[in-house]
Amino acid sequence: NGGFYIGKYETGTETARTSGDASTAPKDTPVIKPNVYPYNCVTCSQAQTLATSKMKSGDRTTSLMFGVQWDLTLKYLETKGTSQADLKTDSTSWGNYENNAWIIKNANLKYAVYSNSKLGSWTTAIEKSKTDNERILLSTGADDSFSKMGIYDLAGNEREWTLEYTSNTKYPCANRGGIYNYSGSTYPASYRHYNNTTILSDLIGFRVALY
């Protein structure tokens, strides 16, 4: 159709997801809006089903982002002034990562602290601060500092499932971007991570493309 749009925010849900099942379709309704819980704990194929069947818009196609769409989005940000280093080497300055410190003032903020290899319960707050060695998952679009050109959380917060497949038959599914419990240099916005078809995690969400 001559181009594509992507979700301004990571796909979210009004109800916090704490688990999932690779053999059972998730029932939570997906939304694209700020200040909701990231839609995680889904496999790549479950995320694609949600994107195509639950998020349709008129006669346009909706789906997970293709890998090339992710790369083109990063190239778009580069043409708008984001440095290659910020995209490909270290995205700490514009993502929610373990190694950055921030103060967020948001009347609708939700957050959950990752500790002892486990994500804790969600908390609501109007203000939250973080040191540079804490791991905190945030609700979608929590703060403008995590946005480039109006696109939130490509760097940090959740890694995101894509339709990019790898040549590794054991780990064919690719997810992209940064993650809240590692550093921005370990997982910059361009990062490509491989997983198997049945994995689901509170570390991985998804974003919808429209074309």
Protein backbone atom coordinates (compact mmCIF):
# COMPACT_ATOMS: atom_id res chain seq x y z
CA ASN A 1 0.00 0.00 0.00
CA GLY A 2 2.95 2.33 -0.46
CA GLY A 3 4.35 2.27 3.06
CA PHE A 4 3.59 1.20 6.63
CA TYR A 5 2.78 2.49 10.08
CA ILE A 6 3.89 1.00 13.37
CA GLY A 7 2.38 1.18 16.83
CA LYS A 8 3.27 4.37 18.66
CA TYR A 9 3.52 2.19 21.76
CA GLU A 10 4.34 -1.40 22.53
CA THR A 11 1.13 -3.40 22.39
CA GLY A 12 -0.54 -3.35 25.78
CA THR A 13 -3.46 -4.72 27.74
CA GLU A 14 -5.63 -3.31 30.51
CA THR A 15 -4.89 -6.33 32.73
CA ALA A 16 -1.38 -7.26 33.83
CA ARG A 17 -0.17 -10.56 32.40
CA THR A 18 1.90 -12.69 34.75
CA SER A 19 1.93 -15.98 32.84
CA GLY A 20 0.93 -17.67 29.61
CA ASP A 21 0.68 -21.04 27.89
CA ALA A 22 2.21 -21.84 24.52
CA SER A 23 -0.67 -24.21 23.73
CA THR A 24 -3.53 -21.93 24.86
CA ALA A 25 -4.51 -18.75 23.04
CA PRO A 26 -4.29 -15.64 25.25
CA LYS A 27 -7.63 -13.99 25.93
CA ASP A 28 -6.61 -10.47 26.98
CA THR A 29 -7.63 -7.76 24.51
CA PRO A 30 -4.62 -6.01 22.93
CA VAL A 31 -4.58 -2.20 22.71
CA ILE A 32 -2.20 0.48 21.48
CA LYS A 33 -2.31 3.27 24.07
CA PRO A 34 -0.14 4.73 26.81
CA ASN A 35 -0.17 3.77 30.48
CA VAL A 36 -1.30 0.14 30.09
CA TYR A 37 0.54 -3.07 30.89
CA PRO A 38 2.86 -4.47 28.20
CA TYR A 39 1.26 -7.45 26.43
CA ASN A 40 3.88 -10.07 27.23
CA CYS A 41 3.95 -13.79 28.10
CA VAL A 42 3.01 -14.72 24.53
CA THR A 43 4.82 -16.78 21.93
CA CYS A 44 5.75 -15.26 18.60
CA SER A 45 2.91 -17.06 16.81
CA GLN A 46 0.40 -16.03 19.50
CA ALA A 47 1.51 -12.42 19.13
CA GLN A 48 1.07 -12.64 15.36
CA THR A 49 -2.44 -14.07 15.76
CA LEU A 50 -3.36 -11.22 18.09
CA ALA A 51 -1.92 -8.66 15.70
CA THR A 52 -3.72 -10.00 12.64
CA SER A 53 -7.08 -10.96 14.15
CA LYS A 54 -7.63 -8.60 17.08
CA MET A 55 -6.12 -5.35 15.79
CA LYS A 56 -7.48 -5.02 12.25
CA SER A 57 -8.09 -1.54 10.90
CA GLY A 58 -10.43 -1.21 7.94
CA ASP A 59 -9.11 -2.92 4.82
CA ARG A 60 -5.46 -2.60 5.89
CA THR A 61 -3.29 -5.49 7.01
CA THR A 62 -2.04 -5.67 10.58
CA SER A 63 0.74 -7.96 11.76
CA LEU A 64 3.88 -8.15 13.80
CA MET A 65 6.66 -6.01 12.37
CA PHE A 66 8.86 -7.64 9.76
CA GLY A 67 12.56 -7.45 10.48
CA VAL A 68 13.02 -5.10 7.53
CA GLN A 69 10.34 -2.80 8.98
CA TRP A 70 12.26 -2.66 12.24
CA ASP A 71 15.43 -1.78 10.35
CA LEU A 72 13.63 0.83 8.23
CA THR A 73 12.19 2.42 11.38
CA LEU A 74 15.69 2.74 12.82
CA LYS A 75 16.90 4.21 9.51
CA TYR A 76 14.04 6.71 9.66
CA LEU A 77 15.15 7.75 13.15
CA GLU A 78 18.69 8.14 11.85
CA THR A 79 17.51 10.46 9.07
CA LYS A 80 15.73 12.51 11.74
CA GLY A 81 18.91 13.02 13.73
CA THR A 82 19.42 9.96 15.96
CA SER A 83 23.04 8.84 15.75
CA GLN A 84 24.01 5.36 14.59
CA ALA A 85 25.75 4.89 17.94
CA ASP A 86 22.48 5.56 19.79
CA LEU A 87 20.71 3.03 17.57
CA LYS A 88 23.31 0.29 17.18
CA THR A 89 25.92 0.61 19.92
CA ASP A 90 24.38 2.01 23.11
CA SER A 91 20.74 3.09 23.45
CA THR A 92 20.95 3.89 27.18
CA SER A 93 20.19 7.57 26.66
CA TRP A 94 16.68 6.96 25.25
CA GLY A 95 15.49 3.64 26.68
CA ASN A 96 14.42 2.11 29.96
CA TYR A 97 17.44 -0.02 30.87
CA GLU A 98 19.03 -1.39 34.01
CA ASN A 99 21.98 0.98 33.73
CA ASN A 100 20.20 4.33 33.45
CA ALA A 101 18.70 6.50 36.15
CA TRP A 102 15.44 8.35 35.72
CA ILE A 103 12.64 10.18 37.47
CA ILE A 104 9.18 9.79 35.95
CA LYS A 105 6.22 11.95 36.84
CA ASN A 106 3.10 10.41 35.31
CA ALA A 107 -0.29 10.34 36.98
CA ASN A 108 -1.09 6.99 35.35
CA LEU A 109 2.26 5.26 35.77
CA LYS A 110 2.52 1.54 36.48
CA TYR A 111 5.73 -0.34 37.20
CA ALA A 112 7.04 -3.70 38.36
CA VAL A 113 10.47 -4.41 39.88
CA TYR A 114 12.57 -7.32 38.61
CA SER A 115 14.47 -9.01 41.45
CA ASN A 116 15.94 -12.47 42.05
CA SER A 117 15.24 -13.42 38.42
CA LYS A 118 11.55 -12.67 38.83
CA LEU A 119 9.23 -9.80 37.97
CA GLY A 120 7.34 -8.58 41.01
CA SER A 121 3.80 -7.30 41.37
CA TRP A 122 2.71 -4.18 39.53
CA THR A 123 2.41 -0.89 41.43
CA THR A 124 0.68 2.34 40.45
CA ALA A 125 2.28 5.68 41.19
CA ILE A 126 2.28 9.32 40.15
CA GLU A 127 6.07 9.54 40.47
CA LYS A 128 8.88 6.99 40.44
CA SER A 129 12.67 7.28 40.45
CA LYS A 130 15.26 4.66 39.51
CA THR A 131 18.99 4.41 40.12
CA ASP A 132 21.42 3.17 37.49
CA ASN A 133 21.46 -0.40 38.80
CA GLU A 134 17.76 -1.22 39.16
CA ARG A 135 15.58 -3.33 36.86
CA ILE A 136 12.08 -1.94 36.47
CA LEU A 137 9.50 -2.73 33.79
CA LEU A 138 7.24 0.19 32.93
CA SER A 139 3.76 0.60 31.49
CA THR A 140 3.56 1.61 27.85
CA GLY A 141 4.65 5.14 26.90
CA ALA A 142 5.57 5.93 30.48
CA ASP A 143 7.77 8.93 29.73
CA ASP A 144 8.65 11.12 26.75
CA SER A 145 12.37 10.55 27.38
CA PHE A 146 11.88 7.02 26.02
CA SER A 147 10.50 8.30 22.72
CA LYS A 148 12.05 9.17 19.35
CA MET A 149 9.86 10.91 16.77
CA GLY A 150 6.79 9.96 18.78
CA ILE A 151 7.64 6.22 18.87
CA TYR A 152 8.00 4.89 22.40
CA ASP A 153 10.17 2.12 23.84
CA LEU A 154 11.96 0.80 20.76
CA ALA A 155 14.95 0.94 23.07
CA GLY A 156 14.60 -0.69 26.47
CA ASN A 157 11.51 -1.84 28.37
CA GLU A 158 10.46 -5.02 26.49
CA ARG A 159 12.12 -6.87 23.63
CA GLU A 160 9.57 -7.28 20.81
CA TRP A 161 8.60 -10.23 18.64
CA THR A 162 8.94 -9.75 14.89
CA LEU A 163 8.19 -11.86 11.80
CA GLU A 164 11.91 -12.10 11.10
CA TYR A 165 13.01 -15.72 11.06
CA THR A 166 16.54 -16.96 11.50
CA SER A 167 18.56 -19.68 9.83
CA ASN A 168 18.87 -21.45 13.18
CA THR A 169 16.24 -24.22 13.11
CA LYS A 170 16.37 -24.57 16.90
CA TYR A 171 15.81 -20.84 17.48
CA PRO A 172 13.92 -19.57 14.43
CA CYS A 173 12.01 -16.64 15.97
CA ALA A 174 13.64 -13.22 16.24
CA ASN A 175 12.78 -10.49 18.70
CA ARG A 176 14.30 -7.06 18.49
CA GLY A 177 15.30 -4.10 20.59
CA GLY A 178 16.35 -3.43 24.15
CA ILE A 179 15.19 -4.76 27.47
CA TYR A 180 14.69 -3.33 30.94
CA ASN A 181 16.87 -5.80 32.88
CA TYR A 182 20.11 -5.35 30.90
CA SER A 183 22.22 -2.41 29.80
CA GLY A 184 21.63 -0.27 26.75
CA SER A 185 25.02 -1.27 25.34
CA THR A 186 24.25 -4.98 25.66
CA TYR A 187 20.83 -4.64 23.99
CA PRO A 188 20.63 -1.47 21.88
CA ALA A 189 17.55 -0.70 19.79
CA SER A 190 18.91 -2.60 16.77
CA TYR A 191 19.63 -5.80 18.71
CA ARG A 192 18.43 -9.11 17.27
CA HIS A 193 17.76 -11.96 19.71
CA TYR A 194 16.81 -15.54 18.76
CA ASN A 195 14.32 -17.82 20.53
CA ASN A 196 12.42 -21.04 19.92
CA THR A 197 8.77 -21.21 18.89
CA THR A 198 7.33 -22.08 22.30
CA ILE A 199 9.09 -19.58 24.54
CA LEU A 200 7.02 -16.90 26.25
CA SER A 201 8.30 -14.48 28.83
CA ASP A 202 7.55 -11.32 30.75
CA LEU A 203 10.66 -9.95 29.02
CA ILE A 204 9.19 -10.07 25.49
CA GLY A 205 6.24 -8.14 24.10
CA PHE A 206 5.35 -7.02 20.58
CA ARG A 207 4.46 -4.06 18.37
CA VAL A 208 1.98 -3.99 15.51
CA ALA A 209 2.58 -2.85 11.95
CA LEU A 210 -0.19 -1.53 9.69
CA TYR A 211 0.07 -1.48 5.90
